[in-house]
Amino acid sequence: MPDHPINWPPPAPTGQQPWPAASAGWTPPRTPPQYASGLFPGAPVPAPAIPPRPTYREPHPVRPGAIAVGSLATALWLLLTGLLGQDLRGYAFATLAAGVVAWALAIVLTWLGDRGVATGVALAMSAGWSIAAVAIATHWAVTGSWPLW
């Protein structure tokens, strides 16, 4: 035991509030939240609400209907441009030119937000180019001459 009294620091001034003032944007709760401890039976007190988990969604989802519209429009485009060719060579070059225009349109549609239609255009155009390639390869295999020159 010390033989002299301990000098403690003076208490905090009582004029200040320990919490921020109401004008600061936050007021302390009036009563503390009540949680069920389980010690005494009675009506259950609901647990504190947990905020729901965030849901992340695609800003421009690709829908099946949009893919179908893009595919049908490209199929019609390929049909109309394919009819311009009078022989296999004309058909192949018309299909190639139509494909370049369709892919450019698909890129523009992707930038502007309608990615479903752009996907349908790209899928149908790939199928159209494949059909033209098979027609050229078949003609080349049967006749032995390259049809594009």
N, C-alpha and C. Protein backbone atom coordinates (compact mmCIF):
# COMPACT_ATOMS: atom_id res chain seq x y z
N MET A 1 0.83 -1.17 0.00
CA MET A 1 0.00 0.00 0.00
C MET A 1 0.88 1.24 0.00
N PRO A 2 0.50 2.14 -0.89
CA PRO A 2 1.29 3.37 -0.87
C PRO A 2 0.96 4.20 0.36
N ASP A 3 1.93 4.91 0.85
CA ASP A 3 1.70 5.72 2.04
C ASP A 3 1.25 7.13 1.69
N HIS A 4 0.99 7.38 0.43
CA HIS A 4 0.43 8.68 0.07
C HIS A 4 -0.76 8.45 -0.86
N PRO A 5 -1.74 9.36 -0.93
CA PRO A 5 -2.93 9.15 -1.76
C PRO A 5 -2.59 9.25 -3.25
N ILE A 6 -3.34 8.49 -4.04
CA ILE A 6 -3.15 8.48 -5.49
C ILE A 6 -3.96 9.62 -6.09
N ASN A 7 -3.35 10.38 -6.95
CA ASN A 7 -4.04 11.48 -7.62
C ASN A 7 -4.49 10.99 -9.00
N TRP A 8 -5.76 10.73 -9.13
CA TRP A 8 -6.33 10.30 -10.39
C TRP A 8 -6.61 11.51 -11.26
N PRO A 9 -6.61 11.32 -12.65
CA PRO A 9 -6.94 12.47 -13.50
C PRO A 9 -8.39 12.88 -13.29
N PRO A 10 -8.68 14.14 -13.55
CA PRO A 10 -10.05 14.60 -13.33
C PRO A 10 -11.01 13.91 -14.30
N PRO A 11 -12.28 13.76 -13.93
CA PRO A 11 -13.25 13.13 -14.83
C PRO A 11 -13.50 14.02 -16.05
N ALA A 12 -14.02 13.38 -17.08
CA ALA A 12 -14.34 14.10 -18.31
C ALA A 12 -15.42 15.12 -18.04
N PRO A 13 -15.40 16.22 -18.78
CA PRO A 13 -16.44 17.22 -18.55
C PRO A 13 -17.81 16.63 -18.88
N THR A 14 -18.80 16.99 -18.11
CA THR A 14 -20.15 16.42 -18.27
C THR A 14 -20.96 17.15 -19.32
N GLY A 15 -20.50 18.26 -19.83
CA GLY A 15 -21.26 19.00 -20.84
C GLY A 15 -21.21 18.35 -22.21
N GLN A 16 -20.24 17.48 -22.47
CA GLN A 16 -20.14 16.85 -23.78
C GLN A 16 -20.92 15.54 -23.80
N GLN A 17 -21.51 15.26 -24.97
CA GLN A 17 -22.22 14.00 -25.13
C GLN A 17 -21.25 12.95 -25.65
N PRO A 18 -21.36 11.72 -25.18
CA PRO A 18 -20.44 10.70 -25.67
C PRO A 18 -20.76 10.26 -27.10
N TRP A 19 -21.99 10.53 -27.60
CA TRP A 19 -22.40 10.16 -28.95
C TRP A 19 -22.43 11.40 -29.82
N PRO A 20 -22.33 11.22 -31.12
CA PRO A 20 -22.47 12.39 -32.00
C PRO A 20 -23.85 13.00 -31.87
N ALA A 21 -23.93 14.25 -32.11
CA ALA A 21 -25.21 14.94 -31.99
C ALA A 21 -26.15 14.44 -33.08
N ALA A 22 -27.45 14.70 -32.90
CA ALA A 22 -28.46 14.24 -33.86
C ALA A 22 -28.25 14.88 -35.23
N SER A 23 -27.64 16.04 -35.27
CA SER A 23 -27.43 16.69 -36.56
C SER A 23 -26.31 16.01 -37.35
N ALA A 24 -25.54 15.12 -36.72
CA ALA A 24 -24.46 14.44 -37.41
C ALA A 24 -24.97 13.32 -38.31
N GLY A 25 -26.25 13.00 -38.28
CA GLY A 25 -26.79 12.00 -39.18
C GLY A 25 -27.03 10.64 -38.53
N TRP A 26 -26.68 10.48 -37.28
CA TRP A 26 -26.88 9.20 -36.62
C TRP A 26 -27.30 9.44 -35.19
N THR A 27 -28.33 8.74 -34.76
CA THR A 27 -28.75 8.80 -33.37
C THR A 27 -28.64 7.40 -32.78
N PRO A 28 -28.15 7.29 -31.56
CA PRO A 28 -28.03 5.96 -30.96
C PRO A 28 -29.40 5.34 -30.74
N PRO A 29 -29.48 4.02 -30.74
CA PRO A 29 -30.78 3.37 -30.50
C PRO A 29 -31.29 3.69 -29.10
N ARG A 30 -32.61 3.78 -28.99
CA ARG A 30 -33.21 4.11 -27.69
C ARG A 30 -33.10 2.94 -26.72
N THR A 31 -33.34 1.74 -27.24
CA THR A 31 -33.22 0.56 -26.38
C THR A 31 -32.34 -0.44 -27.10
N PRO A 32 -31.58 -1.19 -26.37
CA PRO A 32 -30.76 -2.20 -27.04
C PRO A 32 -31.65 -3.28 -27.65
N PRO A 33 -31.24 -3.91 -28.73
CA PRO A 33 -32.07 -4.96 -29.34
C PRO A 33 -32.22 -6.15 -28.40
N GLN A 34 -33.39 -6.75 -28.43
CA GLN A 34 -33.68 -7.88 -27.56
C GLN A 34 -33.52 -9.19 -28.34
N TYR A 35 -32.65 -10.04 -27.89
CA TYR A 35 -32.44 -11.35 -28.51
C TYR A 35 -32.86 -12.43 -27.52
N ALA A 36 -33.42 -13.50 -28.07
CA ALA A 36 -33.85 -14.60 -27.21
C ALA A 36 -32.62 -15.35 -26.72
N SER A 37 -32.47 -15.43 -25.42
CA SER A 37 -31.31 -16.14 -24.88
C SER A 37 -31.59 -17.63 -24.72
N GLY A 38 -32.85 -18.00 -24.60
CA GLY A 38 -33.20 -19.39 -24.41
C GLY A 38 -33.25 -19.80 -22.94
N LEU A 39 -32.93 -18.90 -22.04
CA LEU A 39 -32.94 -19.23 -20.61
C LEU A 39 -34.36 -19.39 -20.09
N PHE A 40 -35.27 -18.49 -20.50
CA PHE A 40 -36.64 -18.54 -20.03
C PHE A 40 -37.55 -18.83 -21.23
N PRO A 41 -38.48 -19.80 -21.11
CA PRO A 41 -39.39 -20.07 -22.22
C PRO A 41 -40.37 -18.92 -22.40
N GLY A 42 -40.80 -18.74 -23.58
CA GLY A 42 -41.74 -17.66 -23.87
C GLY A 42 -41.83 -17.47 -25.36
N ALA A 43 -42.41 -16.38 -25.72
CA ALA A 43 -42.54 -16.07 -27.15
C ALA A 43 -41.16 -15.81 -27.73
N PRO A 44 -40.88 -16.45 -28.84
CA PRO A 44 -39.55 -16.24 -29.41
C PRO A 44 -39.40 -14.82 -29.94
N VAL A 45 -38.27 -14.27 -29.70
CA VAL A 45 -37.94 -12.95 -30.22
C VAL A 45 -37.22 -13.18 -31.54
N PRO A 46 -37.64 -12.52 -32.60
CA PRO A 46 -37.00 -12.77 -33.89
C PRO A 46 -35.53 -12.36 -33.88
N ALA A 47 -34.76 -13.14 -34.57
CA ALA A 47 -33.34 -12.84 -34.70
C ALA A 47 -33.16 -11.61 -35.57
N PRO A 48 -32.04 -10.96 -35.48
CA PRO A 48 -31.84 -9.78 -36.32
C PRO A 48 -31.87 -10.17 -37.81
N ALA A 49 -32.44 -9.31 -38.60
CA ALA A 49 -32.59 -9.59 -40.02
C ALA A 49 -31.23 -9.53 -40.71
N ILE A 50 -30.95 -10.57 -41.48
CA ILE A 50 -29.71 -10.61 -42.25
C ILE A 50 -30.04 -10.09 -43.64
N PRO A 51 -29.27 -9.14 -44.14
CA PRO A 51 -29.60 -8.65 -45.49
C PRO A 51 -29.44 -9.75 -46.52
N PRO A 52 -30.28 -9.74 -47.54
CA PRO A 52 -30.18 -10.80 -48.56
C PRO A 52 -28.86 -10.69 -49.32
N ARG A 53 -28.44 -11.82 -49.85
CA ARG A 53 -27.20 -11.83 -50.63
C ARG A 53 -27.42 -11.07 -51.93
N PRO A 54 -26.42 -10.41 -52.42
CA PRO A 54 -26.60 -9.66 -53.66
C PRO A 54 -26.81 -10.60 -54.85
N THR A 55 -27.59 -10.15 -55.80
CA THR A 55 -27.85 -10.91 -57.01
C THR A 55 -27.20 -10.19 -58.17
N TYR A 56 -26.32 -10.88 -58.84
CA TYR A 56 -25.64 -10.29 -59.99
C TYR A 56 -26.31 -10.78 -61.26
N ARG A 57 -26.76 -9.86 -62.07
CA ARG A 57 -27.47 -10.22 -63.30
C ARG A 57 -26.77 -9.61 -64.50
N GLU A 58 -26.95 -10.27 -65.63
CA GLU A 58 -26.39 -9.78 -66.89
C GLU A 58 -27.14 -8.51 -67.30
N PRO A 59 -26.44 -7.43 -67.63
CA PRO A 59 -27.16 -6.20 -67.99
C PRO A 59 -27.96 -6.32 -69.29
N HIS A 60 -27.48 -7.10 -70.23
CA HIS A 60 -28.20 -7.31 -71.49
C HIS A 60 -28.25 -8.81 -71.75
N PRO A 61 -29.20 -9.52 -71.13
CA PRO A 61 -29.23 -10.98 -71.30
C PRO A 61 -29.56 -11.39 -72.73
N VAL A 62 -29.02 -12.54 -73.11
CA VAL A 62 -29.28 -13.10 -74.44
C VAL A 62 -30.48 -14.03 -74.31
N ARG A 63 -31.55 -13.68 -74.99
CA ARG A 63 -32.79 -14.46 -74.92
C ARG A 63 -32.92 -15.33 -76.17
N PRO A 64 -33.59 -16.49 -76.03
CA PRO A 64 -33.75 -17.38 -77.19
C PRO A 64 -34.55 -16.75 -78.33
N GLY A 65 -35.54 -15.94 -78.00
CA GLY A 65 -36.32 -15.29 -79.05
C GLY A 65 -35.48 -14.34 -79.89
N ALA A 66 -34.58 -13.62 -79.25
CA ALA A 66 -33.71 -12.70 -79.98
C ALA A 66 -32.74 -13.47 -80.88
N ILE A 67 -32.26 -14.61 -80.40
CA ILE A 67 -31.38 -15.45 -81.23
C ILE A 67 -32.14 -15.95 -82.46
N ALA A 68 -33.39 -16.36 -82.26
CA ALA A 68 -34.20 -16.84 -83.39
C ALA A 68 -34.45 -15.73 -84.40
N VAL A 69 -34.73 -14.52 -83.93
CA VAL A 69 -34.97 -13.39 -84.84
C VAL A 69 -33.71 -13.10 -85.65
N GLY A 70 -32.55 -13.07 -84.98
CA GLY A 70 -31.30 -12.83 -85.70
C GLY A 70 -30.99 -13.92 -86.70
N SER A 71 -31.26 -15.17 -86.33
CA SER A 71 -31.00 -16.29 -87.25
C SER A 71 -31.92 -16.24 -88.46
N LEU A 72 -33.20 -15.98 -88.24
CA LEU A 72 -34.15 -15.92 -89.36
C LEU A 72 -33.85 -14.74 -90.29
N ALA A 73 -33.50 -13.60 -89.72
CA ALA A 73 -33.17 -12.45 -90.55
C ALA A 73 -31.92 -12.72 -91.39
N THR A 74 -30.94 -13.38 -90.80
CA THR A 74 -29.72 -13.70 -91.54
C THR A 74 -29.98 -14.76 -92.61
N ALA A 75 -30.82 -15.72 -92.30
CA ALA A 75 -31.17 -16.74 -93.30
C ALA A 75 -31.86 -16.09 -94.50
N LEU A 76 -32.76 -15.15 -94.25
CA LEU A 76 -33.41 -14.44 -95.35
C LEU A 76 -32.39 -13.60 -96.13
N TRP A 77 -31.47 -12.95 -95.42
CA TRP A 77 -30.41 -12.17 -96.06
C TRP A 77 -29.53 -13.07 -96.94
N LEU A 78 -29.19 -14.24 -96.45
CA LEU A 78 -28.36 -15.16 -97.24
C LEU A 78 -29.12 -15.67 -98.45
N LEU A 79 -30.40 -15.92 -98.29
CA LEU A 79 -31.21 -16.39 -99.42
C LEU A 79 -31.27 -15.33 -100.52
N LEU A 80 -31.52 -14.08 -100.12
CA LEU A 80 -31.63 -13.02 -101.12
C LEU A 80 -30.30 -12.73 -101.81
N THR A 81 -29.20 -12.72 -101.05
CA THR A 81 -27.91 -12.47 -101.69
C THR A 81 -27.41 -13.70 -102.45
N GLY A 82 -27.75 -14.89 -102.02
CA GLY A 82 -27.35 -16.09 -102.74
C GLY A 82 -28.02 -16.23 -104.08
N LEU A 83 -29.26 -15.68 -104.19
CA LEU A 83 -29.96 -15.73 -105.48
C LEU A 83 -29.35 -14.79 -106.51
N LEU A 84 -28.49 -13.87 -106.07
CA LEU A 84 -27.84 -12.96 -107.01
C LEU A 84 -26.79 -13.67 -107.86
N GLY A 85 -26.20 -14.74 -107.32
CA GLY A 85 -25.18 -15.48 -108.07
C GLY A 85 -25.81 -16.37 -109.13
N GLN A 86 -25.25 -16.35 -110.35
CA GLN A 86 -25.81 -17.15 -111.43
C GLN A 86 -25.18 -18.54 -111.52
N ASP A 87 -24.04 -18.72 -110.88
CA ASP A 87 -23.39 -20.02 -110.83
C ASP A 87 -22.76 -20.18 -109.44
N LEU A 88 -22.00 -21.26 -109.27
CA LEU A 88 -21.41 -21.52 -107.95
C LEU A 88 -20.43 -20.42 -107.56
N ARG A 89 -19.68 -19.93 -108.51
CA ARG A 89 -18.71 -18.87 -108.23
C ARG A 89 -19.43 -17.60 -107.75
N GLY A 90 -20.49 -17.21 -108.43
CA GLY A 90 -21.26 -16.03 -108.03
C GLY A 90 -21.91 -16.22 -106.68
N TYR A 91 -22.44 -17.44 -106.42
CA TYR A 91 -23.05 -17.73 -105.12
C TYR A 91 -22.02 -17.62 -104.01
N ALA A 92 -20.82 -18.16 -104.24
CA ALA A 92 -19.79 -18.13 -103.20
C ALA A 92 -19.37 -16.70 -102.88
N PHE A 93 -19.14 -15.88 -103.90
CA PHE A 93 -18.72 -14.51 -103.65
C PHE A 93 -19.84 -13.67 -103.04
N ALA A 94 -21.07 -13.90 -103.44
CA ALA A 94 -22.21 -13.19 -102.85
C ALA A 94 -22.38 -13.57 -101.38
N THR A 95 -22.18 -14.85 -101.08
CA THR A 95 -22.28 -15.30 -99.69
C THR A 95 -21.15 -14.72 -98.85
N LEU A 96 -19.96 -14.65 -99.42
CA LEU A 96 -18.84 -14.07 -98.70
C LEU A 96 -19.08 -12.59 -98.41
N ALA A 97 -19.56 -11.85 -99.40
CA ALA A 97 -19.86 -10.42 -99.20
C ALA A 97 -20.99 -10.23 -98.20
N ALA A 98 -22.04 -11.06 -98.29
CA ALA A 98 -23.15 -10.97 -97.34
C ALA A 98 -22.67 -11.28 -95.93
N GLY A 99 -21.73 -12.20 -95.81
CA GLY A 99 -21.20 -12.54 -94.49
C GLY A 99 -20.41 -11.41 -93.87
N VAL A 100 -19.62 -10.71 -94.68
CA VAL A 100 -18.87 -9.57 -94.15
C VAL A 100 -19.82 -8.49 -93.64
N VAL A 101 -20.88 -8.20 -94.42
CA VAL A 101 -21.87 -7.21 -93.99
C VAL A 101 -22.60 -7.68 -92.73
N ALA A 102 -22.97 -8.96 -92.67
CA ALA A 102 -23.69 -9.48 -91.51
C ALA A 102 -22.82 -9.47 -90.26
N TRP A 103 -21.54 -9.82 -90.38
CA TRP A 103 -20.66 -9.78 -89.21
C TRP A 103 -20.44 -8.35 -88.74
N ALA A 104 -20.33 -7.40 -89.67
CA ALA A 104 -20.21 -5.99 -89.26
C ALA A 104 -21.47 -5.56 -88.50
N LEU A 105 -22.63 -5.97 -88.98
CA LEU A 105 -23.88 -5.66 -88.28
C LEU A 105 -23.92 -6.33 -86.91
N ALA A 106 -23.42 -7.54 -86.80
CA ALA A 106 -23.41 -8.24 -85.51
C ALA A 106 -22.50 -7.52 -84.52
N ILE A 107 -21.38 -7.00 -84.98
CA ILE A 107 -20.49 -6.26 -84.08
C ILE A 107 -21.16 -4.97 -83.60
N VAL A 108 -21.84 -4.27 -84.51
CA VAL A 108 -22.55 -3.05 -84.13
C VAL A 108 -23.67 -3.37 -83.13
N LEU A 109 -24.41 -4.44 -83.38
CA LEU A 109 -25.48 -4.83 -82.46
C LEU A 109 -24.92 -5.21 -81.09
N THR A 110 -23.76 -5.82 -81.05
CA THR A 110 -23.15 -6.17 -79.77
C THR A 110 -22.80 -4.91 -79.00
N TRP A 111 -22.28 -3.90 -79.67
CA TRP A 111 -21.93 -2.65 -78.98
C TRP A 111 -23.16 -1.89 -78.52
N LEU A 112 -24.24 -1.96 -79.28
CA LEU A 112 -25.44 -1.21 -78.92
C LEU A 112 -26.32 -1.93 -77.91
N GLY A 113 -26.01 -3.16 -77.57
CA GLY A 113 -26.71 -3.81 -76.48
C GLY A 113 -27.62 -4.96 -76.84
N ASP A 114 -27.95 -5.20 -78.11
CA ASP A 114 -28.84 -6.31 -78.45
C ASP A 114 -27.98 -7.51 -78.83
N ARG A 115 -27.42 -8.15 -77.80
CA ARG A 115 -26.49 -9.24 -78.05
C ARG A 115 -27.17 -10.52 -78.47
N GLY A 116 -28.46 -10.68 -78.19
CA GLY A 116 -29.17 -11.87 -78.62
C GLY A 116 -29.30 -11.93 -80.13
N VAL A 117 -29.70 -10.81 -80.73
CA VAL A 117 -29.81 -10.77 -82.19
C VAL A 117 -28.44 -10.92 -82.83
N ALA A 118 -27.42 -10.29 -82.23
CA ALA A 118 -26.06 -10.42 -82.76
C ALA A 118 -25.59 -11.87 -82.72
N THR A 119 -25.94 -12.59 -81.67
CA THR A 119 -25.58 -14.00 -81.58
C THR A 119 -26.27 -14.81 -82.67
N GLY A 120 -27.56 -14.54 -82.90
CA GLY A 120 -28.29 -15.23 -83.96
C GLY A 120 -27.72 -14.94 -85.33
N VAL A 121 -27.32 -13.69 -85.58
CA VAL A 121 -26.71 -13.33 -86.86
C VAL A 121 -25.40 -14.09 -87.04
N ALA A 122 -24.57 -14.11 -86.00
CA ALA A 122 -23.28 -14.79 -86.10
C ALA A 122 -23.45 -16.29 -86.32
N LEU A 123 -24.39 -16.91 -85.61
CA LEU A 123 -24.60 -18.35 -85.77
C LEU A 123 -25.10 -18.69 -87.17
N ALA A 124 -26.08 -17.95 -87.65
CA ALA A 124 -26.64 -18.25 -88.97
C ALA A 124 -25.62 -17.95 -90.07
N MET A 125 -24.82 -16.90 -89.88
CA MET A 125 -23.82 -16.58 -90.89
C MET A 125 -22.74 -17.64 -90.94
N SER A 126 -22.37 -18.17 -89.79
CA SER A 126 -21.39 -19.27 -89.77
C SER A 126 -21.94 -20.49 -90.49
N ALA A 127 -23.22 -20.78 -90.30
CA ALA A 127 -23.84 -21.90 -91.01
C ALA A 127 -23.90 -21.63 -92.51
N GLY A 128 -24.19 -20.38 -92.91
CA GLY A 128 -24.23 -20.04 -94.33
C GLY A 128 -22.88 -20.17 -94.99
N TRP A 129 -21.82 -19.71 -94.31
CA TRP A 129 -20.48 -19.87 -94.86
C TRP A 129 -20.08 -21.34 -94.95
N SER A 130 -20.52 -22.13 -93.97
CA SER A 130 -20.22 -23.56 -94.01
C SER A 130 -20.90 -24.23 -95.20
N ILE A 131 -22.12 -23.85 -95.48
CA ILE A 131 -22.84 -24.43 -96.63
C ILE A 131 -22.13 -24.05 -97.93
N ALA A 132 -21.70 -22.80 -98.05
CA ALA A 132 -20.98 -22.37 -99.25
C ALA A 132 -19.66 -23.13 -99.38
N ALA A 133 -18.95 -23.34 -98.27
CA ALA A 133 -17.68 -24.08 -98.30
C ALA A 133 -17.90 -25.53 -98.72
N VAL A 134 -18.96 -26.16 -98.25
CA VAL A 134 -19.25 -27.54 -98.63
C VAL A 134 -19.61 -27.61 -100.12
N ALA A 135 -20.36 -26.62 -100.62
CA ALA A 135 -20.71 -26.61 -102.04
C ALA A 135 -19.46 -26.46 -102.90
N ILE A 136 -18.54 -25.60 -102.49
CA ILE A 136 -17.29 -25.41 -103.25
C ILE A 136 -16.44 -26.68 -103.20
N ALA A 137 -16.31 -27.26 -102.01
CA ALA A 137 -15.49 -28.47 -101.87
C ALA A 137 -16.09 -29.63 -102.66
N THR A 138 -17.41 -29.76 -102.67
CA THR A 138 -18.05 -30.83 -103.43
C THR A 138 -17.82 -30.65 -104.93
N HIS A 139 -17.98 -29.42 -105.41
CA HIS A 139 -17.73 -29.16 -106.83
C HIS A 139 -16.28 -29.44 -107.19
N TRP A 140 -15.38 -29.06 -106.34
CA TRP A 140 -13.95 -29.28 -106.59
C TRP A 140 -13.63 -30.78 -106.59
N ALA A 141 -14.25 -31.54 -105.66
CA ALA A 141 -13.99 -32.98 -105.59
C ALA A 141 -14.55 -33.72 -106.79
N VAL A 142 -15.71 -33.27 -107.29
CA VAL A 142 -16.36 -33.97 -108.40
C VAL A 142 -15.71 -33.63 -109.73
N THR A 143 -15.46 -32.33 -109.97
CA THR A 143 -14.96 -31.92 -111.28
C THR A 143 -13.44 -31.84 -111.35
N GLY A 144 -12.79 -31.65 -110.22
CA GLY A 144 -11.34 -31.52 -110.20
C GLY A 144 -10.85 -30.12 -110.54
N SER A 145 -11.75 -29.18 -110.75
CA SER A 145 -11.32 -27.80 -111.02
C SER A 145 -11.80 -26.89 -109.89
N TRP A 146 -10.96 -25.93 -109.55
CA TRP A 146 -11.29 -24.98 -108.47
C TRP A 146 -12.30 -23.98 -109.02
N PRO A 147 -13.50 -23.89 -108.40
CA PRO A 147 -14.55 -23.08 -109.02
C PRO A 147 -14.42 -21.58 -108.81
N LEU A 148 -13.55 -21.11 -107.94
CA LEU A 148 -13.52 -19.68 -107.65
C LEU A 148 -12.61 -18.87 -108.55
N TRP A 149 -11.73 -19.52 -109.34
CA TRP A 149 -10.84 -18.72 -110.21
C TRP A 149 -11.28 -18.78 -111.61
